[in-house]
Protein backbone atom coordinates (compact mmCIF):
# COMPACT_ATOMS: atom_id res chain seq x y z
CA MET A 1 -43.35 -10.39 -61.91
CA HIS A 2 -46.04 -11.54 -64.29
CA SER A 3 -49.40 -10.36 -63.06
CA SER A 4 -51.31 -13.23 -64.61
CA VAL A 5 -51.07 -15.82 -67.31
CA THR A 6 -53.84 -17.69 -69.05
CA GLY A 7 -53.47 -20.46 -71.56
CA ALA A 8 -55.38 -22.03 -74.41
CA TRP A 9 -54.75 -25.02 -76.61
CA THR A 10 -53.85 -24.30 -80.21
CA ARG A 11 -53.22 -26.92 -82.89
CA CYS A 12 -50.92 -26.28 -85.83
CA SER A 13 -51.59 -27.88 -89.19
CA SER A 14 -48.80 -30.37 -88.48
CA GLY A 15 -50.58 -31.62 -85.38
CA ASP A 16 -48.33 -29.80 -82.93
CA ILE A 17 -50.08 -28.60 -79.82
CA GLY A 18 -48.80 -25.26 -78.61
CA LEU A 19 -49.70 -22.83 -75.86
CA ALA A 20 -51.09 -19.40 -76.50
CA VAL A 21 -49.99 -17.26 -73.58
CA GLN A 22 -51.81 -14.05 -72.79
CA ASN A 23 -50.43 -11.32 -70.57
CA LYS A 24 -53.47 -9.56 -69.13
CA GLN A 25 -51.47 -6.40 -68.51
CA ASN A 26 -51.42 -5.53 -72.21
CA GLY A 27 -54.00 -7.95 -73.58
CA ALA A 28 -51.57 -9.24 -76.21
CA MET A 29 -51.85 -12.86 -77.30
CA THR A 30 -48.65 -14.52 -78.46
CA LEU A 31 -47.84 -18.03 -79.58
CA PRO A 32 -44.37 -19.36 -78.68
CA ASN A 33 -42.13 -19.66 -81.75
CA THR A 34 -43.08 -23.03 -83.19
CA ASP A 35 -41.04 -25.17 -85.55
CA PRO A 36 -43.30 -28.14 -86.38
CA GLN A 37 -40.27 -30.29 -87.25
CA LYS A 38 -38.90 -29.87 -83.73
CA ALA A 39 -41.81 -30.47 -81.41
CA CYS A 40 -44.56 -32.51 -83.01
CA THR A 41 -43.69 -36.15 -82.59
CA SER A 42 -44.16 -38.01 -79.31
CA GLU A 43 -42.77 -41.51 -79.07
CA ASN A 44 -43.09 -41.79 -75.33
CA ARG A 45 -43.04 -44.98 -73.24
CA PHE A 46 -44.92 -43.10 -70.55
CA ASP A 47 -47.98 -42.82 -72.79
CA GLU A 48 -48.76 -46.32 -71.52
CA PHE A 49 -49.11 -44.83 -68.04
CA PHE A 50 -50.80 -41.61 -69.11
CA LYS A 51 -53.61 -43.55 -70.81
CA ASP A 52 -54.25 -45.58 -67.64
CA GLU A 53 -57.05 -43.98 -65.64
CA THR A 54 -56.12 -45.75 -62.41
CA TYR A 55 -52.51 -44.65 -62.71
CA ARG A 56 -53.58 -41.05 -63.30
CA SER A 57 -55.90 -41.16 -60.28
CA ILE A 58 -53.14 -42.22 -57.86
CA LYS A 59 -50.03 -40.63 -59.41
CA THR A 60 -50.14 -37.49 -57.26
CA SER A 61 -50.54 -39.63 -54.13
CA LEU A 62 -47.44 -41.74 -54.75
CA PHE A 63 -44.80 -41.53 -52.00
CA ASN A 64 -41.87 -40.69 -54.30
CA TYR A 65 -43.78 -38.03 -56.23
CA ARG A 66 -44.94 -36.34 -53.01
CA LEU A 67 -41.41 -36.32 -51.62
CA ARG A 68 -40.00 -34.72 -54.77
CA LYS A 69 -42.73 -32.09 -54.90
CA LEU A 70 -42.25 -31.20 -51.22
CA ARG A 71 -38.50 -30.74 -51.58
CA ILE A 72 -38.72 -28.87 -54.89
CA ALA A 73 -41.19 -26.34 -53.44
CA LYS A 74 -38.55 -25.10 -50.98
CA HIS A 75 -36.46 -23.75 -53.85
CA VAL A 76 -39.18 -22.15 -56.00
CA PRO A 77 -39.27 -18.33 -55.84
CA ASP A 78 -42.43 -16.74 -54.44
CA ALA A 79 -43.02 -14.73 -57.62
CA GLY A 80 -42.45 -15.05 -61.35
CA LEU A 81 -43.36 -17.38 -64.19
CA ILE A 82 -42.51 -21.09 -63.82
CA LEU A 83 -41.86 -23.72 -66.48
CA ASP A 84 -42.43 -27.35 -65.42
CA ILE A 85 -40.76 -29.26 -68.26
CA GLY A 86 -41.35 -33.00 -68.57
CA SER A 87 -44.26 -32.77 -66.16
CA GLY A 88 -46.26 -35.71 -67.47
CA THR A 89 -49.72 -35.68 -65.88
CA ALA A 90 -48.37 -34.71 -62.45
CA PRO A 91 -46.55 -31.35 -62.35
CA VAL A 92 -44.24 -30.72 -59.41
CA SER A 93 -44.79 -26.95 -59.40
CA PRO A 94 -46.25 -25.68 -56.12
CA ASP A 95 -48.26 -22.97 -57.91
CA LEU A 96 -49.98 -23.93 -61.16
CA THR A 97 -51.59 -20.48 -61.50
CA ARG A 98 -48.23 -19.11 -62.68
CA THR A 99 -46.87 -22.27 -64.30
CA VAL A 100 -46.57 -23.46 -67.88
CA VAL A 101 -46.45 -27.26 -67.90
CA ALA A 102 -44.83 -28.98 -70.86
CA ASP A 103 -44.08 -32.52 -71.95
CA LEU A 104 -43.10 -34.44 -75.06
CA SER A 105 -46.28 -36.51 -74.68
CA GLU A 106 -49.45 -35.14 -76.22
CA GLU A 107 -51.34 -37.77 -74.21
CA ALA A 108 -50.01 -36.28 -70.97
CA MET A 109 -50.99 -32.78 -71.99
CA ARG A 110 -54.55 -33.95 -72.71
CA HIS A 111 -54.95 -35.12 -69.13
CA VAL A 112 -52.84 -32.75 -67.03
CA ALA A 113 -54.92 -30.47 -64.81
CA CYS A 114 -53.38 -27.13 -65.76
CA GLU A 115 -54.68 -24.35 -68.00
CA THR A 116 -51.30 -23.42 -69.48
CA LYS A 117 -49.69 -26.40 -71.20
CA SER A 118 -47.64 -27.20 -74.26
CA VAL A 119 -46.20 -30.20 -76.09
CA GLN A 120 -42.44 -29.58 -76.11
CA SER A 121 -39.16 -31.43 -76.56
CA ILE A 122 -36.63 -30.45 -73.89
CA THR A 123 -33.85 -30.43 -76.50
CA ALA A 124 -35.70 -28.07 -78.86
CA MET A 125 -38.16 -25.93 -76.91
CA THR A 126 -40.13 -23.36 -78.89
CA PHE A 127 -40.33 -20.78 -76.08
CA ASP A 128 -38.54 -17.46 -76.52
CA SER A 129 -35.22 -17.04 -74.73
CA SER A 130 -35.35 -15.71 -71.14
CA SER A 131 -39.06 -16.52 -70.80
CA PHE A 132 -39.16 -17.97 -67.28
CA ASP A 133 -38.11 -16.95 -63.77
CA CYS A 134 -37.94 -20.56 -62.60
CA VAL A 135 -37.59 -23.85 -64.47
CA LEU A 136 -38.43 -27.21 -62.88
CA CYS A 137 -37.01 -30.34 -64.51
CA SER A 138 -37.82 -33.36 -62.36
CA GLU A 139 -36.85 -36.89 -63.46
CA VAL A 140 -36.28 -35.88 -67.09
CA LEU A 141 -32.58 -35.54 -67.94
CA GLU A 142 -31.88 -39.22 -67.30
CA HIS A 143 -34.16 -40.00 -70.27
CA VAL A 144 -32.38 -37.67 -72.71
CA SER A 145 -29.51 -38.99 -74.82
CA ASP A 146 -28.12 -35.51 -75.44
CA ASP A 147 -28.47 -34.08 -71.95
CA MET A 148 -26.03 -31.25 -72.73
CA GLN A 149 -28.40 -29.99 -75.43
CA ALA A 150 -31.24 -30.19 -72.92
CA ILE A 151 -29.21 -28.23 -70.36
CA SER A 152 -28.42 -25.63 -73.01
CA GLU A 153 -32.15 -25.21 -73.66
CA LEU A 154 -32.91 -24.96 -69.93
CA ARG A 155 -30.32 -22.17 -69.68
CA ARG A 156 -31.71 -20.42 -72.76
CA VAL A 157 -35.35 -20.20 -71.62
CA LEU A 158 -34.39 -19.19 -68.05
CA ARG A 159 -34.09 -15.50 -67.35
CA PRO A 160 -30.75 -14.17 -66.04
CA GLY A 161 -30.80 -14.66 -62.27
CA GLY A 162 -33.58 -17.24 -62.55
CA VAL A 163 -33.62 -20.55 -60.70
CA LEU A 164 -33.36 -24.05 -62.17
CA VAL A 165 -34.41 -27.00 -59.98
CA VAL A 166 -33.52 -30.48 -61.21
CA THR A 167 -33.98 -33.96 -59.76
CA VAL A 168 -32.28 -37.05 -61.21
CA PRO A 169 -31.45 -40.65 -60.27
CA PHE A 170 -28.05 -40.85 -58.59
CA GLN A 171 -25.11 -43.25 -58.86
CA LYS A 172 -24.64 -45.77 -61.64
CA ARG A 173 -24.06 -48.60 -59.18
CA TYR A 174 -27.77 -48.47 -58.33
CA TRP A 175 -28.78 -49.17 -61.94
CA ALA A 176 -31.52 -51.84 -62.04
CA GLU A 177 -34.47 -53.16 -64.01
CA ASP A 178 -36.66 -50.15 -63.28
CA ASP A 179 -34.15 -47.84 -64.99
CA GLU A 180 -34.39 -49.97 -68.12
CA PHE A 181 -38.18 -50.28 -67.93
CA VAL A 182 -38.79 -46.52 -67.94
CA GLY A 183 -36.13 -45.79 -70.55
CA HIS A 184 -33.32 -44.22 -68.55
CA VAL A 185 -30.09 -43.75 -70.45
CA ARG A 186 -28.06 -42.91 -67.34
CA ARG A 187 -27.89 -42.45 -63.61
CA TYR A 188 -25.69 -39.50 -62.64
CA ASP A 189 -22.53 -40.19 -60.67
CA PRO A 190 -21.28 -37.76 -57.97
CA GLY A 191 -20.36 -34.39 -59.47
CA GLU A 192 -21.43 -35.35 -63.00
CA LEU A 193 -24.58 -33.24 -63.25
CA GLU A 194 -22.94 -30.29 -61.52
CA GLN A 195 -20.10 -30.33 -64.06
CA LYS A 196 -22.54 -30.48 -66.97
CA LEU A 197 -24.60 -27.61 -65.58
CA GLN A 198 -21.47 -25.52 -65.18
CA ALA A 199 -20.44 -26.32 -68.75
CA GLY A 200 -23.95 -25.32 -69.84
CA GLY A 201 -23.64 -21.81 -68.40
CA PHE A 202 -24.81 -22.14 -64.79
CA ASP A 203 -22.40 -20.84 -62.16
CA ARG A 204 -24.20 -21.15 -58.82
CA ILE A 205 -24.90 -24.84 -58.28
CA GLN A 206 -25.85 -26.74 -55.14
CA ALA A 207 -26.70 -30.45 -54.83
CA TYR A 208 -28.89 -31.95 -52.10
CA LYS A 209 -29.64 -35.52 -51.06
CA LEU A 210 -33.23 -36.35 -51.95
CA SER A 211 -33.74 -40.05 -51.22
CA GLY A 212 -31.86 -43.24 -50.51
CA ILE A 213 -31.96 -47.01 -50.64
CA PHE A 214 -35.29 -47.33 -48.79
CA GLU A 215 -37.09 -45.27 -51.44
CA ARG A 216 -35.12 -47.17 -54.08
CA TRP A 217 -36.38 -50.50 -52.77
CA LEU A 218 -39.97 -49.22 -52.61
CA THR A 219 -39.82 -47.94 -56.17
CA ARG A 220 -38.47 -51.22 -57.53
CA ARG A 221 -41.09 -53.19 -55.59
CA SER A 222 -43.84 -50.93 -56.97
CA LEU A 223 -42.61 -51.54 -60.51
CA ARG A 224 -42.72 -55.31 -60.05
CA THR A 225 -46.32 -55.01 -58.89
CA TYR A 226 -47.20 -52.83 -61.88
CA GLN A 227 -45.56 -55.27 -64.29
CA GLN A 228 -47.59 -58.12 -62.80
CA GLN A 229 -50.96 -56.35 -62.52
CA GLY A 230 -50.81 -53.08 -64.40
CA ALA A 231 -52.39 -50.24 -62.46
CA THR A 232 -55.35 -52.52 -61.81
CA THR A 233 -55.35 -53.87 -58.28
CA ARG A 234 -57.76 -55.51 -55.90
CA LEU A 235 -57.05 -52.81 -53.34
CA PRO A 236 -59.37 -49.77 -53.31
CA VAL A 237 -57.79 -46.55 -54.57
CA GLY A 238 -58.46 -44.92 -51.19
CA LEU A 239 -56.45 -47.61 -49.43
CA LEU A 240 -53.60 -47.22 -51.90
CA ARG A 241 -53.51 -43.50 -51.18
CA MET A 242 -53.43 -44.14 -47.44
CA ALA A 243 -50.57 -46.64 -47.85
CA ASN A 244 -48.61 -44.13 -49.92
CA THR A 245 -49.16 -41.47 -47.26
CA VAL A 246 -47.64 -43.76 -44.64
CA LEU A 247 -44.64 -44.46 -46.91
CA PHE A 248 -44.25 -40.76 -47.65
CA LEU A 249 -44.10 -39.96 -43.92
CA LEU A 250 -41.59 -42.76 -43.37
CA LEU A 251 -39.36 -41.31 -46.07
CA ILE A 252 -39.47 -37.87 -44.47
CA MET A 253 -38.52 -39.34 -41.09
CA THR A 254 -35.64 -41.41 -42.43
CA GLU A 255 -34.11 -39.07 -45.03
CA ALA A 256 -32.04 -37.20 -42.42
CA PHE A 257 -30.03 -40.37 -41.88
CA ILE A 258 -29.12 -40.93 -45.56
CA SER A 259 -25.41 -40.76 -46.34
CA TRP A 260 -24.13 -39.60 -49.73
CA LYS A 261 -22.89 -43.14 -50.32
CA ARG A 262 -26.44 -44.48 -50.02
CA THR A 263 -28.16 -41.59 -51.81
CA THR A 264 -30.03 -42.77 -54.89
CA ARG A 265 -31.70 -39.53 -56.01
CA ILE A 266 -30.51 -35.93 -55.83
CA LEU A 267 -31.97 -32.45 -56.15
CA VAL A 268 -29.79 -29.79 -57.76
CA VAL A 269 -30.46 -26.04 -57.72
CA ALA A 270 -28.66 -23.82 -60.22
CA SER A 271 -28.77 -20.24 -61.44
């Protein structure tokens, strides 16, 4: 177990932002191996969201984010170093004191409320092999053209016996305008992600239903509102948070009745 980890921003001459990680046990400061050609450029549609102050203020209150974070927490080990890759401004890790958050977007890393953070591409991470006891990858792989390369990197940075927790959109037949808007390249059909994880070196794999058509409808409706108004709304932020709390509780109460046929998002645990 890592006793403690602290982080500091460092900027390479190329403009890459890396994370200097210090292990207080030995006082040594190390910078993850950095190839500026691999991890510097961020062409990220989500920067539009990350720059929006209203969006950032309500993101962690959103019903779908809260549901994912709640379910992910059940599978995170009580000890060890965590990587939250593709975190944006809202990490799903239940314990940021032992988490490195990372995202392709430099804009996201400017705003995320975590001391240890790094601009990284999931297909070419600059962390040493076997660096983390747990890796969280929530709503990321569906954006990556070469998801097998991403899975290979997730396996590489995870320690032997470590835990990978992934969430992804489920079933191609539920493809809609929101998938296109946020830049998805796929929704995973039944068994598809499990097969890819196995091919990528994981051998203990379990899939769980995460959400269904009710959450799907809410997400699509929220997107339409955002497209019409942006994050700006006449409703007070406090009221929006209350409304999302109600929706979050409704999702928890109804998820037990979701069938696999009507599941639209899954959580997969692998090691």
